[in-house]
N, C-alpha and C. Protein backbone atom coordinates (compact mmCIF):
# COMPACT_ATOMS: atom_id res chain seq x y z
N MET A 1 -39.96 -193.54 -41.93
CA MET A 1 -39.94 -192.99 -40.58
C MET A 1 -38.50 -192.86 -40.13
N LYS A 2 -38.15 -191.69 -39.63
CA LYS A 2 -36.79 -191.46 -39.14
C LYS A 2 -36.62 -192.05 -37.75
N LYS A 3 -35.38 -192.42 -37.41
CA LYS A 3 -35.05 -193.04 -36.13
C LYS A 3 -35.54 -192.18 -34.96
N GLN A 4 -35.42 -190.82 -35.06
CA GLN A 4 -35.81 -189.96 -33.94
C GLN A 4 -37.32 -189.96 -33.70
N ASP A 5 -38.12 -190.49 -34.65
CA ASP A 5 -39.56 -190.54 -34.49
C ASP A 5 -40.04 -191.90 -33.98
N GLU A 6 -39.14 -192.87 -33.88
CA GLU A 6 -39.52 -194.22 -33.48
C GLU A 6 -39.54 -194.38 -31.96
N GLU A 7 -40.52 -195.10 -31.46
CA GLU A 7 -40.65 -195.45 -30.04
C GLU A 7 -40.41 -194.25 -29.13
N PRO A 8 -41.23 -193.20 -29.23
CA PRO A 8 -41.01 -192.00 -28.43
C PRO A 8 -41.28 -192.23 -26.94
N CYS A 9 -40.52 -191.53 -26.11
CA CYS A 9 -40.75 -191.52 -24.66
C CYS A 9 -42.15 -190.97 -24.44
N THR A 10 -42.91 -191.60 -23.56
CA THR A 10 -44.28 -191.15 -23.32
C THR A 10 -44.33 -189.85 -22.53
N SER A 11 -43.20 -189.36 -22.07
CA SER A 11 -43.15 -188.10 -21.33
C SER A 11 -42.55 -186.97 -22.18
N CYS A 12 -41.31 -187.13 -22.64
CA CYS A 12 -40.63 -186.06 -23.38
C CYS A 12 -40.70 -186.24 -24.89
N HIS A 13 -41.13 -187.39 -25.35
CA HIS A 13 -41.33 -187.72 -26.77
C HIS A 13 -40.05 -187.85 -27.59
N ARG A 14 -38.88 -187.93 -26.92
CA ARG A 14 -37.65 -188.26 -27.65
C ARG A 14 -37.66 -189.75 -27.94
N SER A 15 -37.03 -190.15 -29.02
CA SER A 15 -37.00 -191.55 -29.41
C SER A 15 -36.22 -192.39 -28.39
N THR A 16 -36.77 -193.55 -28.05
CA THR A 16 -36.07 -194.51 -27.19
C THR A 16 -35.68 -195.75 -27.99
N ALA A 17 -35.67 -195.62 -29.31
CA ALA A 17 -35.34 -196.75 -30.19
C ALA A 17 -33.86 -197.11 -30.08
N PHE A 18 -33.54 -198.33 -30.47
CA PHE A 18 -32.16 -198.81 -30.47
C PHE A 18 -31.29 -197.86 -31.29
N GLY A 19 -30.15 -197.50 -30.74
CA GLY A 19 -29.22 -196.62 -31.44
C GLY A 19 -29.35 -195.15 -31.09
N THR A 20 -30.33 -194.80 -30.25
CA THR A 20 -30.52 -193.39 -29.89
C THR A 20 -29.79 -192.99 -28.61
N GLY A 21 -29.30 -193.98 -27.85
CA GLY A 21 -28.67 -193.69 -26.57
C GLY A 21 -29.64 -193.73 -25.40
N LEU A 22 -30.93 -193.84 -25.69
CA LEU A 22 -31.94 -193.93 -24.63
C LEU A 22 -32.59 -195.30 -24.56
N PHE A 23 -32.11 -196.23 -25.38
CA PHE A 23 -32.72 -197.56 -25.47
C PHE A 23 -32.45 -198.41 -24.23
N VAL A 24 -31.22 -198.44 -23.74
CA VAL A 24 -30.80 -199.38 -22.70
C VAL A 24 -31.56 -199.18 -21.39
N ASN A 25 -31.75 -197.96 -20.95
CA ASN A 25 -32.39 -197.71 -19.66
C ASN A 25 -33.86 -197.33 -19.76
N ARG A 26 -34.48 -197.53 -20.90
CA ARG A 26 -35.89 -197.18 -21.02
C ARG A 26 -36.73 -198.15 -20.18
N VAL A 27 -37.90 -197.69 -19.75
CA VAL A 27 -38.76 -198.47 -18.87
C VAL A 27 -40.16 -198.50 -19.49
N PRO A 28 -40.81 -199.67 -19.52
CA PRO A 28 -42.17 -199.71 -20.06
C PRO A 28 -43.08 -198.73 -19.33
N SER A 29 -43.94 -198.08 -20.10
CA SER A 29 -44.84 -197.07 -19.56
C SER A 29 -46.23 -197.27 -20.14
N MET A 30 -47.23 -197.34 -19.29
CA MET A 30 -48.60 -197.48 -19.76
C MET A 30 -49.49 -196.47 -19.05
N SER A 31 -50.36 -195.83 -19.79
CA SER A 31 -51.33 -194.92 -19.22
C SER A 31 -52.66 -195.14 -19.93
N ASP A 32 -53.67 -194.38 -19.57
CA ASP A 32 -54.97 -194.52 -20.22
C ASP A 32 -54.93 -194.12 -21.69
N THR A 33 -54.01 -193.23 -22.04
CA THR A 33 -53.97 -192.70 -23.40
C THR A 33 -52.79 -193.17 -24.23
N GLU A 34 -51.73 -193.66 -23.60
CA GLU A 34 -50.51 -193.95 -24.33
C GLU A 34 -49.76 -195.14 -23.72
N ASN A 35 -49.26 -196.02 -24.57
CA ASN A 35 -48.41 -197.13 -24.15
C ASN A 35 -47.09 -197.01 -24.86
N GLY A 36 -46.01 -197.38 -24.21
CA GLY A 36 -44.69 -197.32 -24.83
C GLY A 36 -43.62 -197.41 -23.78
N TYR A 37 -42.67 -196.47 -23.85
CA TYR A 37 -41.53 -196.47 -22.93
C TYR A 37 -41.27 -195.06 -22.43
N MET A 38 -40.66 -194.97 -21.25
CA MET A 38 -40.15 -193.70 -20.74
C MET A 38 -38.64 -193.80 -20.69
N CYS A 39 -37.95 -192.70 -20.99
CA CYS A 39 -36.50 -192.70 -20.90
C CYS A 39 -36.09 -192.52 -19.43
N ALA A 40 -34.88 -192.91 -19.11
CA ALA A 40 -34.40 -192.85 -17.73
C ALA A 40 -34.37 -191.41 -17.21
N GLU A 41 -34.10 -190.44 -18.07
CA GLU A 41 -34.06 -189.05 -17.63
C GLU A 41 -35.42 -188.57 -17.14
N CYS A 42 -36.50 -189.03 -17.76
CA CYS A 42 -37.84 -188.63 -17.34
C CYS A 42 -38.27 -189.35 -16.06
N LEU A 43 -37.57 -190.40 -15.69
CA LEU A 43 -37.89 -191.15 -14.48
C LEU A 43 -37.11 -190.67 -13.27
N THR A 44 -36.28 -189.64 -13.42
CA THR A 44 -35.54 -189.14 -12.28
C THR A 44 -36.48 -188.49 -11.29
N MET A 45 -36.08 -188.46 -10.03
CA MET A 45 -36.85 -187.84 -8.96
C MET A 45 -36.00 -186.76 -8.32
N GLU A 46 -36.63 -185.82 -7.67
CA GLU A 46 -35.87 -184.80 -6.94
C GLU A 46 -35.52 -185.30 -5.55
N CYS A 47 -34.30 -185.02 -5.13
CA CYS A 47 -33.88 -185.32 -3.77
C CYS A 47 -34.65 -184.39 -2.83
N ASP A 48 -35.21 -184.94 -1.79
CA ASP A 48 -36.00 -184.13 -0.85
C ASP A 48 -35.14 -183.23 0.04
N ARG A 49 -33.82 -183.41 0.02
CA ARG A 49 -32.94 -182.54 0.81
C ARG A 49 -32.27 -181.47 -0.03
N CYS A 50 -31.71 -181.87 -1.19
CA CYS A 50 -30.96 -180.88 -1.97
C CYS A 50 -31.70 -180.40 -3.22
N GLY A 51 -32.74 -181.11 -3.63
CA GLY A 51 -33.52 -180.69 -4.78
C GLY A 51 -32.95 -181.09 -6.14
N LYS A 52 -31.76 -181.69 -6.16
CA LYS A 52 -31.16 -182.11 -7.42
C LYS A 52 -31.79 -183.43 -7.87
N PRO A 53 -31.75 -183.71 -9.19
CA PRO A 53 -32.34 -184.97 -9.66
C PRO A 53 -31.54 -186.19 -9.21
N ILE A 54 -32.26 -187.26 -8.87
CA ILE A 54 -31.66 -188.52 -8.49
C ILE A 54 -31.80 -189.46 -9.68
N GLU A 55 -30.70 -190.06 -10.09
CA GLU A 55 -30.72 -190.99 -11.22
C GLU A 55 -31.59 -192.21 -10.91
N LEU A 56 -32.03 -192.88 -11.94
CA LEU A 56 -32.85 -194.07 -11.83
C LEU A 56 -32.18 -195.12 -10.94
N ASP A 57 -32.89 -195.61 -9.95
CA ASP A 57 -32.42 -196.63 -9.01
C ASP A 57 -31.23 -196.20 -8.15
N GLU A 58 -31.02 -194.92 -7.96
CA GLU A 58 -29.92 -194.43 -7.13
C GLU A 58 -30.43 -193.71 -5.88
N ASP A 59 -31.69 -193.89 -5.54
CA ASP A 59 -32.25 -193.20 -4.39
C ASP A 59 -32.26 -194.09 -3.15
N TYR A 60 -32.35 -193.45 -2.01
CA TYR A 60 -32.46 -194.16 -0.73
C TYR A 60 -33.67 -193.58 0.00
N THR A 61 -34.49 -194.45 0.55
CA THR A 61 -35.68 -194.02 1.27
C THR A 61 -35.57 -194.47 2.72
N PRO A 62 -35.11 -193.58 3.62
CA PRO A 62 -34.91 -193.97 5.01
C PRO A 62 -36.20 -194.22 5.78
N ASP A 63 -37.31 -193.75 5.27
CA ASP A 63 -38.57 -193.87 6.01
C ASP A 63 -39.64 -194.58 5.19
N GLU A 64 -39.26 -195.69 4.58
CA GLU A 64 -40.17 -196.55 3.83
C GLU A 64 -40.91 -195.82 2.71
N GLY A 65 -40.19 -195.01 1.95
CA GLY A 65 -40.76 -194.40 0.76
C GLY A 65 -41.30 -192.99 0.90
N GLN A 66 -41.32 -192.45 2.09
CA GLN A 66 -41.84 -191.10 2.27
C GLN A 66 -40.85 -190.04 1.80
N THR A 67 -39.56 -190.30 1.95
CA THR A 67 -38.51 -189.36 1.59
C THR A 67 -37.55 -190.05 0.62
N ARG A 68 -37.18 -189.37 -0.44
CA ARG A 68 -36.21 -189.91 -1.41
C ARG A 68 -34.97 -189.04 -1.38
N LEU A 69 -33.81 -189.69 -1.17
CA LEU A 69 -32.56 -188.95 -0.99
C LEU A 69 -31.44 -189.53 -1.84
N HIS A 70 -30.45 -188.68 -2.18
CA HIS A 70 -29.17 -189.15 -2.72
C HIS A 70 -28.41 -189.81 -1.59
N TRP A 71 -27.52 -190.71 -1.91
CA TRP A 71 -26.64 -191.28 -0.88
C TRP A 71 -25.80 -190.18 -0.26
N GLU A 72 -25.39 -189.20 -1.08
CA GLU A 72 -24.55 -188.11 -0.59
C GLU A 72 -25.27 -187.23 0.43
N CYS A 73 -26.59 -187.25 0.43
CA CYS A 73 -27.38 -186.39 1.32
C CYS A 73 -27.74 -187.07 2.65
N LEU A 74 -27.35 -188.33 2.81
CA LEU A 74 -27.66 -189.05 4.05
C LEU A 74 -26.83 -188.52 5.21
N THR A 75 -27.42 -188.54 6.39
CA THR A 75 -26.68 -188.20 7.60
C THR A 75 -25.83 -189.41 8.00
N PRO A 76 -24.80 -189.20 8.84
CA PRO A 76 -24.01 -190.35 9.29
C PRO A 76 -24.86 -191.44 9.96
N GLU A 77 -25.88 -191.05 10.69
CA GLU A 77 -26.76 -192.02 11.34
C GLU A 77 -27.54 -192.83 10.29
N GLU A 78 -28.03 -192.17 9.24
CA GLU A 78 -28.77 -192.87 8.19
C GLU A 78 -27.86 -193.83 7.42
N ILE A 79 -26.61 -193.46 7.25
CA ILE A 79 -25.65 -194.34 6.56
C ILE A 79 -25.42 -195.60 7.37
N LYS A 80 -25.28 -195.47 8.69
CA LYS A 80 -25.10 -196.64 9.55
C LYS A 80 -26.29 -197.58 9.44
N ILE A 81 -27.49 -197.03 9.43
CA ILE A 81 -28.71 -197.85 9.34
C ILE A 81 -28.78 -198.53 7.97
N ALA A 82 -28.38 -197.83 6.94
CA ALA A 82 -28.46 -198.37 5.57
C ALA A 82 -27.48 -199.50 5.34
N MET A 83 -26.37 -199.49 6.04
CA MET A 83 -25.35 -200.53 5.85
C MET A 83 -25.76 -201.72 6.63
């Protein structure tokens, strides 16, 4: 078995095995049909203001999870509240 076929991401199916560059930030993933890992790129979310992808754990939710934003997209008032 080749390294690129080992431990595939349950979303994009690229290998998340050690040495592939996707190992460190992979996250356990379980569904009804498949168990394994998801790579960090597949776990990105879209910013609700600018539409660009937000990296894993880099989002801010000013309204308890209803809106996901980049820090760069926050208004000055939201930044004050976040600090």
